[in-house]
PDB file of N, CA and C in Angstrom:
ATOM      1  N   UNK A   1     181.023   7.716 303.207  1.00  0.00           N
ATOM      2  CA  UNK A   1     180.177   7.874 304.541  1.00  0.00           C
ATOM      3  C   UNK A   1     179.768   9.293 304.514  1.00  0.00           C
ATOM      4  N   UNK A   2     180.308  10.737 304.294  1.00  0.00           N
ATOM      5  CA  UNK A   2     179.686  11.928 304.167  1.00  0.00           C
ATOM      6  C   UNK A   2     178.586  12.260 303.486  1.00  0.00           C
ATOM      7  N   UNK A   3     178.451  11.290 302.506  1.00  0.00           N
ATOM      8  CA  UNK A   3     177.392  11.677 301.087  1.00  0.00           C
ATOM      9  C   UNK A   3     176.302  10.404 301.686  1.00  0.00           C
ATOM     10  N   UNK A   4     176.492   9.553 302.543  1.00  0.00           N
ATOM     11  CA  UNK A   4     175.198   9.204 303.111  1.00  0.00           C
ATOM     12  C   UNK A   4     174.248  10.300 304.155  1.00  0.00           C
ATOM     13  N   UNK A   5     175.562  10.893 304.588  1.00  0.00           N
ATOM     14  CA  UNK A   5     174.968  11.836 305.412  1.00  0.00           C
ATOM     15  C   UNK A   5     174.051  13.012 305.002  1.00  0.00           C
ATOM     16  N   UNK A   6     174.824  13.676 304.125  1.00  0.00           N
ATOM     17  CA  UNK A   6     174.149  14.469 303.219  1.00  0.00           C
ATOM     18  C   UNK A   6     172.688  13.586 302.785  1.00  0.00           C
ATOM     19  N   UNK A   7     172.902  12.618 302.050  1.00  0.00           N
ATOM     20  CA  UNK A   7     171.389  12.158 301.730  1.00  0.00           C
ATOM     21  C   UNK A   7     170.366  12.143 302.599  1.00  0.00           C
ATOM     22  N   UNK A   8     170.856  12.011 304.185  1.00  0.00           N
ATOM     23  CA  UNK A   8     169.414  11.959 305.342  1.00  0.00           C
ATOM     24  C   UNK A   8     169.004  13.247 305.213  1.00  0.00           C
ATOM     25  N   UNK A   9     169.399  14.149 304.211  1.00  0.00           N
ATOM     26  CA  UNK A   9     168.975  15.788 304.366  1.00  0.00           C
ATOM     27  C   UNK A   9     169.720  16.745 305.879  1.00  0.00           C
ATOM     28  N   UNK A  10     171.393  16.174 306.234  1.00  0.00           N
ATOM     29  CA  UNK A  10     171.627  16.705 307.236  1.00  0.00           C
ATOM     30  C   UNK A  10     171.636  18.110 306.699  1.00  0.00           C
ATOM     31  N   UNK A  11     172.774  18.913 308.048  1.00  0.00           N
ATOM     32  CA  UNK A  11     172.709  20.415 307.771  1.00  0.00           C
ATOM     33  C   UNK A  11     174.546  20.702 307.625  1.00  0.00           C
ATOM     34  N   UNK A  12     174.333  21.914 307.941  1.00  0.00           N
ATOM     35  CA  UNK A  12     176.026  21.923 308.053  1.00  0.00           C
ATOM     36  C   UNK A  12     176.232  21.585 309.979  1.00  0.00           C
ATOM     37  N   UNK A  13     175.269  22.011 309.953  1.00  0.00           N
ATOM     38  CA  UNK A  13     175.250  21.653 311.663  1.00  0.00           C
ATOM     39  C   UNK A  13     175.710  20.184 311.846  1.00  0.00           C
ATOM     40  N   UNK A  14     175.017  19.374 311.439  1.00  0.00           N
ATOM     41  CA  UNK A  14     175.393  18.131 311.218  1.00  0.00           C
ATOM     42  C   UNK A  14     176.902  18.038 310.936  1.00  0.00           C
ATOM     43  N   UNK A  15     177.613  18.309 309.776  1.00  0.00           N
ATOM     44  CA  UNK A  15     178.697  18.475 309.392  1.00  0.00           C
ATOM     45  C   UNK A  15     179.604  18.883 309.844  1.00  0.00           C
ATOM     46  N   UNK A  16     179.271  19.851 311.252  1.00  0.00           N
ATOM     47  CA  UNK A  16     180.489  20.139 312.269  1.00  0.00           C
ATOM     48  C   UNK A  16     180.566  19.421 313.142  1.00  0.00           C
ATOM     49  N   UNK A  17     179.428  18.263 313.507  1.00  0.00           N
ATOM     50  CA  UNK A  17     179.141  17.298 314.622  1.00  0.00           C
ATOM     51  C   UNK A  17     180.056  16.455 314.002  1.00  0.00           C
ATOM     52  N   UNK A  18     180.431  15.889 313.026  1.00  0.00           N
ATOM     53  CA  UNK A  18     180.652  15.183 312.301  1.00  0.00           C
ATOM     54  C   UNK A  18     182.379  15.299 312.553  1.00  0.00           C
ATOM     55  N   UNK A  19     182.600  16.561 312.343  1.00  0.00           N
ATOM     56  CA  UNK A  19     183.891  16.810 312.149  1.00  0.00           C
ATOM     57  C   UNK A  19     184.730  16.662 313.532  1.00  0.00           C
ATOM     58  N   UNK A  20     183.716  17.436 314.942  1.00  0.00           N
ATOM     59  CA  UNK A  20     183.887  16.674 315.918  1.00  0.00           C
ATOM     60  C   UNK A  20     183.861  15.459 316.454  1.00  0.00           C
ATOM     61  N   UNK A  21     183.160  14.509 316.010  1.00  0.00           N
ATOM     62  CA  UNK A  21     183.323  13.423 316.185  1.00  0.00           C
ATOM     63  C   UNK A  21     184.652  12.641 315.838  1.00  0.00           C
ATOM     64  N   UNK A  22     185.251  13.100 314.626  1.00  0.00           N
ATOM     65  CA  UNK A  22     186.068  12.728 314.233  1.00  0.00           C
ATOM     66  C   UNK A  22     187.412  13.048 314.468  1.00  0.00           C
ATOM     67  N   UNK A  23     187.580  13.965 314.984  1.00  0.00           N
ATOM     68  CA  UNK A  23     188.538  14.644 316.053  1.00  0.00           C
ATOM     69  C   UNK A  23     188.557  13.804 317.636  1.00  0.00           C
ATOM     70  N   UNK A  24     187.364  13.552 318.220  1.00  0.00           N
ATOM     71  CA  UNK A  24     187.671  12.890 319.099  1.00  0.00           C
ATOM     72  C   UNK A  24     187.762  11.347 318.981  1.00  0.00           C
ATOM     73  N   UNK A  25     187.456  10.644 317.765  1.00  0.00           N
ATOM     74  CA  UNK A  25     188.116   9.327 317.355  1.00  0.00           C
ATOM     75  C   UNK A  25     189.058   9.218 316.869  1.00  0.00           C
ATOM     76  N   UNK A  26     189.933  10.449 316.802  1.00  0.00           N
ATOM     77  CA  UNK A  26     191.612  10.431 316.449  1.00  0.00           C
ATOM     78  C   UNK A  26     191.637  10.543 318.072  1.00  0.00           C
ATOM     79  N   UNK A  27     191.360  11.110 318.656  1.00  0.00           N
ATOM     80  CA  UNK A  27     192.124  10.177 320.500  1.00  0.00           C
ATOM     81  C   UNK A  27     192.102   9.281 320.589  1.00  0.00           C
ATOM     82  N   UNK A  28     190.876   8.725 320.674  1.00  0.00           N
ATOM     83  CA  UNK A  28     190.839   7.209 320.683  1.00  0.00           C
ATOM     84  C   UNK A  28     191.772   6.376 320.124  1.00  0.00           C
ATOM     85  N   UNK A  29     192.206   7.309 319.026  1.00  0.00           N
ATOM     86  CA  UNK A  29     193.508   5.788 318.294  1.00  0.00           C
ATOM     87  C   UNK A  29     194.620   6.223 318.414  1.00  0.00           C
ATOM     88  N   UNK A  30     194.868   7.251 319.304  1.00  0.00           N
ATOM     89  CA  UNK A  30     195.995   7.433 319.818  1.00  0.00           C
ATOM     90  C   UNK A  30     196.538   6.633 320.719  1.00  0.00           C
ATOM     91  N   UNK A  31     197.880   6.560 320.625  1.00  0.00           N
ATOM     92  CA  UNK A  31     198.453   5.902 322.305  1.00  0.00           C
ATOM     93  C   UNK A  31     198.236   6.557 323.494  1.00  0.00           C
ATOM     94  N   UNK A  32     197.805   5.525 324.519  1.00  0.00           N
ATOM     95  CA  UNK A  32     197.552   5.685 324.849  1.00  0.00           C
ATOM     96  C   UNK A  32     197.885   4.814 326.596  1.00  0.00           C
ATOM     97  N   UNK A  33     199.017   5.794 327.606  1.00  0.00           N
ATOM     98  CA  UNK A  33     199.512   4.880 329.136  1.00  0.00           C
ATOM     99  C   UNK A  33     198.517   5.017 329.583  1.00  0.00           C
ATOM    100  N   UNK A  34     198.894   4.267 330.535  1.00  0.00           N
ATOM    101  CA  UNK A  34     197.917   3.865 332.327  1.00  0.00           C
ATOM    102  C   UNK A  34     199.042   5.261 333.271  1.00  0.00           C
ATOM    103  N   UNK A  35     198.116   6.469 332.640  1.00  0.00           N
ATOM    104  CA  UNK A  35     199.296   7.927 333.511  1.00  0.00           C
ATOM    105  C   UNK A  35     199.656   7.796 334.822  1.00  0.00           C
ATOM    106  N   UNK A  36     198.448   7.056 335.890  1.00  0.00           N
ATOM    107  CA  UNK A  36     198.052   6.612 336.971  1.00  0.00           C
ATOM    108  C   UNK A  36     197.514   6.427 337.310  1.00  0.00           C
ATOM    109  N   UNK A  37     195.973   5.973 336.978  1.00  0.00           N
ATOM    110  CA  UNK A  37     194.939   5.395 337.253  1.00  0.00           C
ATOM    111  C   UNK A  37     193.760   6.035 337.244  1.00  0.00           C
ATOM    112  N   UNK A  38     193.096   6.515 336.386  1.00  0.00           N
ATOM    113  CA  UNK A  38     191.825   7.239 335.916  1.00  0.00           C
ATOM    114  C   UNK A  38     191.974   7.567 334.372  1.00  0.00           C
ATOM    115  N   UNK A  39     191.029   6.587 334.052  1.00  0.00           N
ATOM    116  CA  UNK A  39     190.857   6.157 332.071  1.00  0.00           C
ATOM    117  C   UNK A  39     189.315   6.528 331.706  1.00  0.00           C
ATOM    118  N   UNK A  40     189.284   7.817 330.938  1.00  0.00           N
ATOM    119  CA  UNK A  40     188.199   8.101 329.856  1.00  0.00           C
ATOM    120  C   UNK A  40     187.196   6.565 328.672  1.00  0.00           C
ATOM    121  N   UNK A  41     186.811   6.380 328.933  1.00  0.00           N
ATOM    122  CA  UNK A  41     186.386   5.502 328.410  1.00  0.00           C
ATOM    123  C   UNK A  41     185.048   5.613 327.540  1.00  0.00           C
ATOM    124  N   UNK A  42     184.787   5.098 326.578  1.00  0.00           N
ATOM    125  CA  UNK A  42     183.289   4.475 325.794  1.00  0.00           C
ATOM    126  C   UNK A  42     183.587   3.463 325.078  1.00  0.00           C
ATOM    127  N   UNK A  43     182.268   3.312 325.342  1.00  0.00           N
ATOM    128  CA  UNK A  43     181.721   1.783 324.078  1.00  0.00           C
ATOM    129  C   UNK A  43     182.572   2.012 322.602  1.00  0.00           C
ATOM    130  N   UNK A  44     183.120   0.986 321.994  1.00  0.00           N
ATOM    131  CA  UNK A  44     183.680   1.204 320.828  1.00  0.00           C
ATOM    132  C   UNK A  44     182.163   1.713 319.549  1.00  0.00           C
ATOM    133  N   UNK A  45     182.525   2.402 318.700  1.00  0.00           N
ATOM    134  CA  UNK A  45     181.565   3.501 317.861  1.00  0.00           C
ATOM    135  C   UNK A  45     180.642   2.376 316.895  1.00  0.00           C
ATOM    136  N   UNK A  46     181.752   1.341 316.373  1.00  0.00           N
ATOM    137  CA  UNK A  46     180.786   0.231 315.753  1.00  0.00           C
ATOM    138  C   UNK A  46     179.689  -0.543 316.837  1.00  0.00           C
ATOM    139  N   UNK A  47     179.790  -0.876 318.162  1.00  0.00           N
ATOM    140  CA  UNK A  47     178.924  -1.651 318.598  1.00  0.00           C
ATOM    141  C   UNK A  47     177.789  -0.695 318.687  1.00  0.00           C
ATOM    142  N   UNK A  48     177.913   0.751 319.275  1.00  0.00           N
ATOM    143  CA  UNK A  48     177.301   1.409 319.604  1.00  0.00           C
ATOM    144  C   UNK A  48     176.021   1.770 318.200  1.00  0.00           C
ATOM    145  N   UNK A  49     176.841   1.908 317.097  1.00  0.00           N
ATOM    146  CA  UNK A  49     176.074   1.706 315.774  1.00  0.00           C
ATOM    147  C   UNK A  49     175.421   0.848 315.530  1.00  0.00           C
ATOM    148  N   UNK A  50     176.126  -0.695 315.375  1.00  0.00           N
ATOM    149  CA  UNK A  50     175.092  -1.830 315.349  1.00  0.00           C
ATOM    150  C   UNK A  50     173.693  -1.596 316.236  1.00  0.00           C
ATOM    151  N   UNK A  51     173.845  -1.101 317.759  1.00  0.00           N
ATOM    152  CA  UNK A  51     172.881  -1.221 318.471  1.00  0.00           C
ATOM    153  C   UNK A  51     172.213  -0.176 318.143  1.00  0.00           C
ATOM    154  N   UNK A  52     171.874   0.997 318.168  1.00  0.00           N
ATOM    155  CA  UNK A  52     171.188   2.116 317.309  1.00  0.00           C
ATOM    156  C   UNK A  52     170.487   1.675 316.569  1.00  0.00           C
ATOM    157  N   UNK A  53     171.249   1.256 315.493  1.00  0.00           N
ATOM    158  CA  UNK A  53     170.419   0.926 314.458  1.00  0.00           C
ATOM    159  C   UNK A  53     169.367  -0.058 314.744  1.00  0.00           C
ATOM    160  N   UNK A  54     169.462  -1.226 315.635  1.00  0.00           N
ATOM    161  CA  UNK A  54     168.462  -1.972 315.964  1.00  0.00           C
ATOM    162  C   UNK A  54     167.573  -1.390 317.032  1.00  0.00           C
ATOM    163  N   UNK A  55     167.899  -0.330 317.444  1.00  0.00           N
ATOM    164  CA  UNK A  55     167.236   0.286 318.430  1.00  0.00           C
ATOM    165  C   UNK A  55     167.224  -0.802 319.631  1.00  0.00           C
ATOM    166  N   UNK A  56     168.464  -0.851 319.903  1.00  0.00           N
ATOM    167  CA  UNK A  56     168.633  -2.079 321.304  1.00  0.00           C
ATOM    168  C   UNK A  56     169.082  -1.149 322.151  1.00  0.00           C
ATOM    169  N   UNK A  57     168.712  -1.468 323.303  1.00  0.00           N
ATOM    170  CA  UNK A  57     169.637  -0.724 324.573  1.00  0.00           C
ATOM    171  C   UNK A  57     171.200  -0.765 324.506  1.00  0.00           C
ATOM    172  N   UNK A  58     171.921   0.361 324.938  1.00  0.00           N
ATOM    173  CA  UNK A  58     173.356   0.502 324.918  1.00  0.00           C
ATOM    174  C   UNK A  58     174.002  -0.169 326.581  1.00  0.00           C
ATOM    175  N   UNK A  59     172.618  -0.022 327.315  1.00  0.00           N
ATOM    176  CA  UNK A  59     173.119  -0.517 329.204  1.00  0.00           C
ATOM    177  C   UNK A  59     174.355  -1.384 329.340  1.00  0.00           C
ATOM    178  N   UNK A  60     174.213  -2.690 328.461  1.00  0.00           N
ATOM    179  CA  UNK A  60     174.374  -4.073 329.320  1.00  0.00           C
ATOM    180  C   UNK A  60     175.793  -3.896 328.318  1.00  0.00           C
ATOM    181  N   UNK A  61     176.881  -3.111 327.583  1.00  0.00           N
ATOM    182  CA  UNK A  61     177.877  -3.407 326.721  1.00  0.00           C
ATOM    183  C   UNK A  61     178.648  -3.252 328.204  1.00  0.00           C
ATOM    184  N   UNK A  62     179.493  -4.795 328.325  1.00  0.00           N
ATOM    185  CA  UNK A  62     180.638  -4.745 329.144  1.00  0.00           C
ATOM    186  C   UNK A  62     181.710  -3.548 329.206  1.00  0.00           C
ATOM    187  N   UNK A  63     181.689  -3.252 330.475  1.00  0.00           N
ATOM    188  CA  UNK A  63     182.850  -2.149 330.905  1.00  0.00           C
ATOM    189  C   UNK A  63     184.164  -2.697 330.026  1.00  0.00           C
ATOM    190  N   UNK A  64     184.838  -4.097 330.171  1.00  0.00           N
ATOM    191  CA  UNK A  64     186.145  -4.351 329.437  1.00  0.00           C
ATOM    192  C   UNK A  64     186.303  -4.333 328.100  1.00  0.00           C
ATOM    193  N   UNK A  65     185.052  -4.282 327.660  1.00  0.00           N
ATOM    194  CA  UNK A  65     185.265  -3.829 325.844  1.00  0.00           C
ATOM    195  C   UNK A  65     185.521  -2.737 325.835  1.00  0.00           C
ATOM    196  N   UNK A  66     184.929  -1.675 326.096  1.00  0.00           N
ATOM    197  CA  UNK A  66     185.144  -0.387 325.821  1.00  0.00           C
ATOM    198  C   UNK A  66     186.578   0.065 325.892  1.00  0.00           C
ATOM    199  N   UNK A  67     186.655   1.220 324.977  1.00  0.00           N
ATOM    200  CA  UNK A  67     187.707   2.258 324.518  1.00  0.00           C
ATOM    201  C   UNK A  67     188.325   2.920 325.438  1.00  0.00           C
ATOM    202  N   UNK A  68     189.872   3.002 325.316  1.00  0.00           N
ATOM    203  CA  UNK A  68     190.216   3.593 326.371  1.00  0.00           C
ATOM    204  C   UNK A  68     190.571   5.356 325.549  1.00  0.00           C
ATOM    205  N   UNK A  69     189.588   6.043 325.643  1.00  0.00           N
ATOM    206  CA  UNK A  69     189.981   7.690 325.203  1.00  0.00           C
ATOM    207  C   UNK A  69     191.257   8.649 325.391  1.00  0.00           C
ATOM    208  N   UNK A  70     191.415   8.357 326.538  1.00  0.00           N
ATOM    209  CA  UNK A  70     192.755   8.765 327.557  1.00  0.00           C
ATOM    210  C   UNK A  70     192.635   8.216 328.623  1.00  0.00           C
ATOM    211  N   UNK A  71     193.626   8.814 329.413  1.00  0.00           N
ATOM    212  CA  UNK A  71     194.344   8.452 330.680  1.00  0.00           C
ATOM    213  C   UNK A  71     194.569   9.550 331.534  1.00  0.00           C
ATOM    214  N   UNK A  72     194.292   9.666 332.624  1.00  0.00           N
ATOM    215  CA  UNK A  72     194.617  11.292 333.336  1.00  0.00           C
ATOM    216  C   UNK A  72     195.208  10.509 334.815  1.00  0.00           C
ATOM    217  N   UNK A  73     195.896  11.045 335.512  1.00  0.00           N
ATOM    218  CA  UNK A  73     196.344  10.935 336.821  1.00  0.00           C
ATOM    219  C   UNK A  73     195.413  10.871 337.659  1.00  0.00           C
ATOM    220  N   UNK A  74     194.042  11.877 337.779  1.00  0.00           N
ATOM    221  CA  UNK A  74     193.541  12.238 338.555  1.00  0.00           C
ATOM    222  C   UNK A  74     191.642  11.643 338.152  1.00  0.00           C
ATOM    223  N   UNK A  75     191.139  11.425 339.313  1.00  0.00           N
ATOM    224  CA  UNK A  75     189.592  11.673 338.303  1.00  0.00           C
ATOM    225  C   UNK A  75     189.012  13.013 337.915  1.00  0.00           C
ATOM    226  N   UNK A  76     189.760  14.046 339.265  1.00  0.00           N
ATOM    227  CA  UNK A  76     189.061  15.108 338.401  1.00  0.00           C
ATOM    228  C   UNK A  76     189.624  15.570 336.909  1.00  0.00           C
ATOM    229  N   UNK A  77     190.851  15.731 336.883  1.00  0.00           N
ATOM    230  CA  UNK A  77     190.971  15.461 335.932  1.00  0.00           C
ATOM    231  C   UNK A  77     190.243  14.722 334.482  1.00  0.00           C
ATOM    232  N   UNK A  78     189.802  14.114 334.589  1.00  0.00           N
ATOM    233  CA  UNK A  78     188.918  12.916 333.770  1.00  0.00           C
ATOM    234  C   UNK A  78     187.938  13.168 333.336  1.00  0.00           C
ATOM    235  N   UNK A  79     187.272  13.819 334.222  1.00  0.00           N
ATOM    236  CA  UNK A  79     185.837  14.074 334.862  1.00  0.00           C
ATOM    237  C   UNK A  79     186.074  15.838 334.521  1.00  0.00           C
ATOM    238  N   UNK A  80     186.907  16.521 334.030  1.00  0.00           N
ATOM    239  CA  UNK A  80     186.506  17.677 333.619  1.00  0.00           C
ATOM    240  C   UNK A  80     187.035  17.796 331.712  1.00  0.00           C
ATOM    241  N   UNK A  81     187.927  17.225 331.268  1.00  0.00           N
ATOM    242  CA  UNK A  81     187.959  16.484 330.374  1.00  0.00           C
ATOM    243  C   UNK A  81     186.607  15.935 329.675  1.00  0.00           C
ATOM    244  N   UNK A  82     185.931  15.123 330.063  1.00  0.00           N
ATOM    245  CA  UNK A  82     184.840  14.225 329.708  1.00  0.00           C
ATOM    246  C   UNK A  82     183.386  15.293 330.079  1.00  0.00           C
ATOM    247  N   UNK A  83     183.637  16.636 330.712  1.00  0.00           N
ATOM    248  CA  UNK A  83     182.615  17.450 330.221  1.00  0.00           C
ATOM    249  C   UNK A  83     183.007  18.481 329.072  1.00  0.00           C
ATOM    250  N   UNK A  84     184.578  18.460 328.965  1.00  0.00           N
ATOM    251  CA  UNK A  84     184.523  19.418 327.795  1.00  0.00           C
ATOM    252  C   UNK A  84     184.717  19.041 326.603  1.00  0.00           C
ATOM    253  N   UNK A  85     184.651  17.465 326.516  1.00  0.00           N
ATOM    254  CA  UNK A  85     183.677  16.321 325.231  1.00  0.00           C
ATOM    255  C   UNK A  85     182.444  17.026 324.892  1.00  0.00           C
ATOM    256  N   UNK A  86     181.582  16.595 325.964  1.00  0.00           N
ATOM    257  CA  UNK A  86     180.229  16.115 326.185  1.00  0.00           C
ATOM    258  C   UNK A  86     179.791  17.968 325.596  1.00  0.00           C
ATOM    259  N   UNK A  87     180.376  19.082 326.177  1.00  0.00           N
ATOM    260  CA  UNK A  87     180.595  20.669 325.662  1.00  0.00           C
ATOM    261  C   UNK A  87     180.437  20.711 324.351  1.00  0.00           C
ATOM    262  N   UNK A  88     181.470  20.005 323.785  1.00  0.00           N
ATOM    263  CA  UNK A  88     182.276  20.356 322.326  1.00  0.00           C
ATOM    264  C   UNK A  88     181.094  19.460 320.801  1.00  0.00           C
ATOM    265  N   UNK A  89     180.482  18.489 321.596  1.00  0.00           N
ATOM    266  CA  UNK A  89     179.440  17.967 320.632  1.00  0.00           C
ATOM    267  C   UNK A  89     177.891  17.832 320.786  1.00  0.00           C
ATOM    268  N   UNK A  90     177.553  18.933 320.880  1.00  0.00           N
ATOM    269  CA  UNK A  90     176.094  18.924 321.088  1.00  0.00           C
ATOM    270  C   UNK A  90     174.724  17.863 320.150  1.00  0.00           C
ATOM    271  N   UNK A  91     173.603  17.214 320.437  1.00  0.00           N
ATOM    272  CA  UNK A  91     172.922  16.213 320.317  1.00  0.00           C
ATOM    273  C   UNK A  91     172.935  16.795 318.886  1.00  0.00           C
ATOM    274  N   UNK A  92     172.945  15.555 318.094  1.00  0.00           N
ATOM    275  CA  UNK A  92     172.561  15.316 316.424  1.00  0.00           C
ATOM    276  C   UNK A  92     171.329  16.149 316.188  1.00  0.00           C
ATOM    277  N   UNK A  93     170.662  15.562 316.752  1.00  0.00           N
ATOM    278  CA  UNK A  93     169.114  15.797 316.448  1.00  0.00           C
ATOM    279  C   UNK A  93     168.132  14.946 315.801  1.00  0.00           C
ATOM    280  N   UNK A  94     166.893  14.559 315.300  1.00  0.00           N
ATOM    281  CA  UNK A  94     166.428  13.516 314.409  1.00  0.00           C
ATOM    282  C   UNK A  94     166.788  12.980 313.087  1.00  0.00           C
ATOM    283  N   UNK A  95     167.119  14.358 312.193  1.00  0.00           N
ATOM    284  CA  UNK A  95     167.362  14.398 311.509  1.00  0.00           C
ATOM    285  C   UNK A  95     168.664  13.534 310.996  1.00  0.00           C
ATOM    286  N   UNK A  96     169.773  13.383 311.993  1.00  0.00           N
ATOM    287  CA  UNK A  96     170.989  13.019 311.526  1.00  0.00           C
ATOM    288  C   UNK A  96     170.908  11.866 311.298  1.00  0.00           C
ATOM    289  N   UNK A  97     172.512  11.168 310.116  1.00  0.00           N
ATOM    290  CA  UNK A  97     172.319  10.239 310.086  1.00  0.00           C
ATOM    291  C   UNK A  97     173.103   8.718 311.515  1.00  0.00           C
ATOM    292  N   UNK A  98     172.824   7.855 311.383  1.00  0.00           N
ATOM    293  CA  UNK A  98     172.784   6.779 312.040  1.00  0.00           C
ATOM    294  C   UNK A  98     174.356   6.903 313.151  1.00  0.00           C
ATOM    295  N   UNK A  99     175.382   7.673 312.113  1.00  0.00           N
ATOM    296  CA  UNK A  99     176.890   7.411 312.131  1.00  0.00           C
ATOM    297  C   UNK A  99     176.992   8.358 313.495  1.00  0.00           C
ATOM    298  N   UNK A 100     176.205   9.530 312.817  1.00  0.00           N
ATOM    299  CA  UNK A 100     176.001  10.833 314.528  1.00  0.00           C
ATOM    300  C   UNK A 100     175.269  10.510 315.222  1.00  0.00           C
ATOM    301  N   UNK A 101     174.282  10.026 315.446  1.00  0.00           N
ATOM    302  CA  UNK A 101     173.557   9.160 316.377  1.00  0.00           C
ATOM    303  C   UNK A 101     174.304   8.167 317.555  1.00  0.00           C
ATOM    304  N   UNK A 102     174.906   7.712 316.447  1.00  0.00           N
ATOM    305  CA  UNK A 102     176.164   6.733 317.408  1.00  0.00           C
ATOM    306  C   UNK A 102     177.079   7.189 317.779  1.00  0.00           C
ATOM    307  N   UNK A 103     177.777   7.875 317.611  1.00  0.00           N
ATOM    308  CA  UNK A 103     179.261   8.863 317.723  1.00  0.00           C
ATOM    309  C   UNK A 103     178.236   9.845 319.527  1.00  0.00           C
ATOM    310  N   UNK A 104     177.306  10.407 319.027  1.00  0.00           N
ATOM    311  CA  UNK A 104     177.072  10.994 320.399  1.00  0.00           C
ATOM    312  C   UNK A 104     176.932  10.134 321.319  1.00  0.00           C
ATOM    313  N   UNK A 105     175.893   9.062 321.350  1.00  0.00           N
ATOM    314  CA  UNK A 105     175.573   8.093 321.933  1.00  0.00           C
ATOM    315  C   UNK A 105     176.292   7.861 322.661  1.00  0.00           C
ATOM    316  N   UNK A 106     177.837   7.250 322.165  1.00  0.00           N
ATOM    317  CA  UNK A 106     178.924   7.030 322.430  1.00  0.00           C
ATOM    318  C   UNK A 106     179.367   8.302 323.099  1.00  0.00           C
ATOM    319  N   UNK A 107     179.675   8.892 323.054  1.00  0.00           N
ATOM    320  CA  UNK A 107     179.930  10.310 324.081  1.00  0.00           C
ATOM    321  C   UNK A 107     179.469  10.115 325.033  1.00  0.00           C
ATOM    322  N   UNK A 108     178.052  10.111 325.110  1.00  0.00           N
ATOM    323  CA  UNK A 108     177.157  10.436 326.579  1.00  0.00           C
ATOM    324  C   UNK A 108     177.408   9.036 326.926  1.00  0.00           C
ATOM    325  N   UNK A 109     177.656   8.228 326.826  1.00  0.00           N
ATOM    326  CA  UNK A 109     178.012   6.832 327.908  1.00  0.00           C
ATOM    327  C   UNK A 109     179.203   6.961 328.488  1.00  0.00           C
ATOM    328  N   UNK A 110     180.344   7.342 327.887  1.00  0.00           N
ATOM    329  CA  UNK A 110     181.398   7.693 328.067  1.00  0.00           C
ATOM    330  C   UNK A 110     181.393   8.264 329.504  1.00  0.00           C
ATOM    331  N   UNK A 111     182.608   7.068 330.810  1.00  0.00           N
ATOM    332  CA  UNK A 111     182.920   7.269 331.749  1.00  0.00           C
ATOM    333  C   UNK A 111     184.597   7.116 332.034  1.00  0.00           C
ATOM    334  N   UNK A 112     184.115   8.349 333.441  1.00  0.00           N
ATOM    335  CA  UNK A 112     186.064   8.088 334.143  1.00  0.00           C
ATOM    336  C   UNK A 112     185.828   7.073 334.855  1.00  0.00           C
ATOM    337  N   UNK A 113     186.710   5.995 334.797  1.00  0.00           N
ATOM    338  CA  UNK A 113     187.135   4.858 335.554  1.00  0.00           C
ATOM    339  C   UNK A 113     188.325   4.985 335.995  1.00  0.00           C
ATOM    340  N   UNK A 114     188.382   4.161 337.242  1.00  0.00           N
ATOM    341  CA  UNK A 114     189.802   3.817 338.034  1.00  0.00           C
ATOM    342  C   UNK A 114     190.128   2.337 337.557  1.00  0.00           C
ATOM    343  N   UNK A 115     191.464   3.143 336.960  1.00  0.00           N
ATOM    344  CA  UNK A 115     192.065   1.647 336.443  1.00  0.00           C
ATOM    345  C   UNK A 115     192.086   0.650 337.229  1.00  0.00           C
ATOM    346  N   UNK A 116     192.085   0.369 338.630  1.00  0.00           N
ATOM    347  CA  UNK A 116     192.252  -1.029 339.267  1.00  0.00           C
ATOM    348  C   UNK A 116     190.722  -1.306 339.120  1.00  0.00           C
ATOM    349  N   UNK A 117     189.116  -0.862 338.727  1.00  0.00           N
ATOM    350  CA  UNK A 117     188.168  -1.212 338.479  1.00  0.00           C
ATOM    351  C   UNK A 117     187.950  -2.611 338.213  1.00  0.00           C
ATOM    352  N   UNK A 118     187.372  -3.246 338.717  1.00  0.00           N
ATOM    353  CA  UNK A 118     187.028  -5.047 338.981  1.00  0.00           C
ATOM    354  C   UNK A 118     186.558  -5.423 337.633  1.00  0.00           C
ATOM    355  N   UNK A 119     185.887  -4.535 337.192  1.00  0.00           N
ATOM    356  CA  UNK A 119     185.138  -4.426 335.591  1.00  0.00           C
ATOM    357  C   UNK A 119     186.118  -4.802 334.645  1.00  0.00           C
ATOM    358  N   UNK A 120     187.593  -4.477 334.799  1.00  0.00           N
ATOM    359  CA  UNK A 120     188.719  -4.330 333.683  1.00  0.00           C
ATOM    360  C   UNK A 120     189.417  -5.940 334.140  1.00  0.00           C
ATOM    361  N   UNK A 121     189.004  -6.044 334.891  1.00  0.00           N
ATOM    362  CA  UNK A 121     189.634  -7.477 334.987  1.00  0.00           C
ATOM    363  C   UNK A 121     189.705  -8.721 333.921  1.00  0.00           C
ATOM    364  N   UNK A 122     188.813  -8.545 333.213  1.00  0.00           N
ATOM    365  CA  UNK A 122     188.917  -9.360 332.157  1.00  0.00           C
ATOM    366  C   UNK A 122     189.803  -8.601 330.839  1.00  0.00           C
ATOM    367  N   UNK A 123     190.009  -6.893 330.945  1.00  0.00           N
ATOM    368  CA  UNK A 123     190.194  -6.594 329.769  1.00  0.00           C
ATOM    369  C   UNK A 123     190.905  -6.776 328.592  1.00  0.00           C
ATOM    370  N   UNK A 124     190.534  -6.750 327.675  1.00  0.00           N
ATOM    371  CA  UNK A 124     191.057  -7.230 326.365  1.00  0.00           C
ATOM    372  C   UNK A 124     192.539  -5.964 326.000  1.00  0.00           C
ATOM    373  N   UNK A 125     193.633  -6.277 325.627  1.00  0.00           N
ATOM    374  CA  UNK A 125     194.333  -5.280 325.344  1.00  0.00           C
ATOM    375  C   UNK A 125     194.220  -4.678 323.839  1.00  0.00           C
ATOM    376  N   UNK A 126     194.698  -3.520 323.640  1.00  0.00           N
ATOM    377  CA  UNK A 126     194.482  -2.107 322.828  1.00  0.00           C
ATOM    378  C   UNK A 126     195.725  -2.426 322.046  1.00  0.00           C
TER     379      UNK A 126
END
């Protein structure tokens, strides 16, 4: 995977972005509990990667298929964490690999959503 990134002519900046994305991906795989009502969610990386490669829009990915990155007690805590995550990962630019672009797009699409949001009514279990 890293070799493919270098093959695309990426820079040290892209490697830093990749490492930041990997760190954030680890957060999504850790156990998440319903802390009290707010989730930071994002579409799955594989879905975003497929759609980015096909140059297909990302706006119609159903929320009930998104992955929970973290859980929070309040909306303000969730929004603060989302801002911090977005500030941590800059736009990878036009020479970046598909994986970096998809990871960045995934984070841009992330949302803070109340645990009782009706769009979760058919939420699959993690």
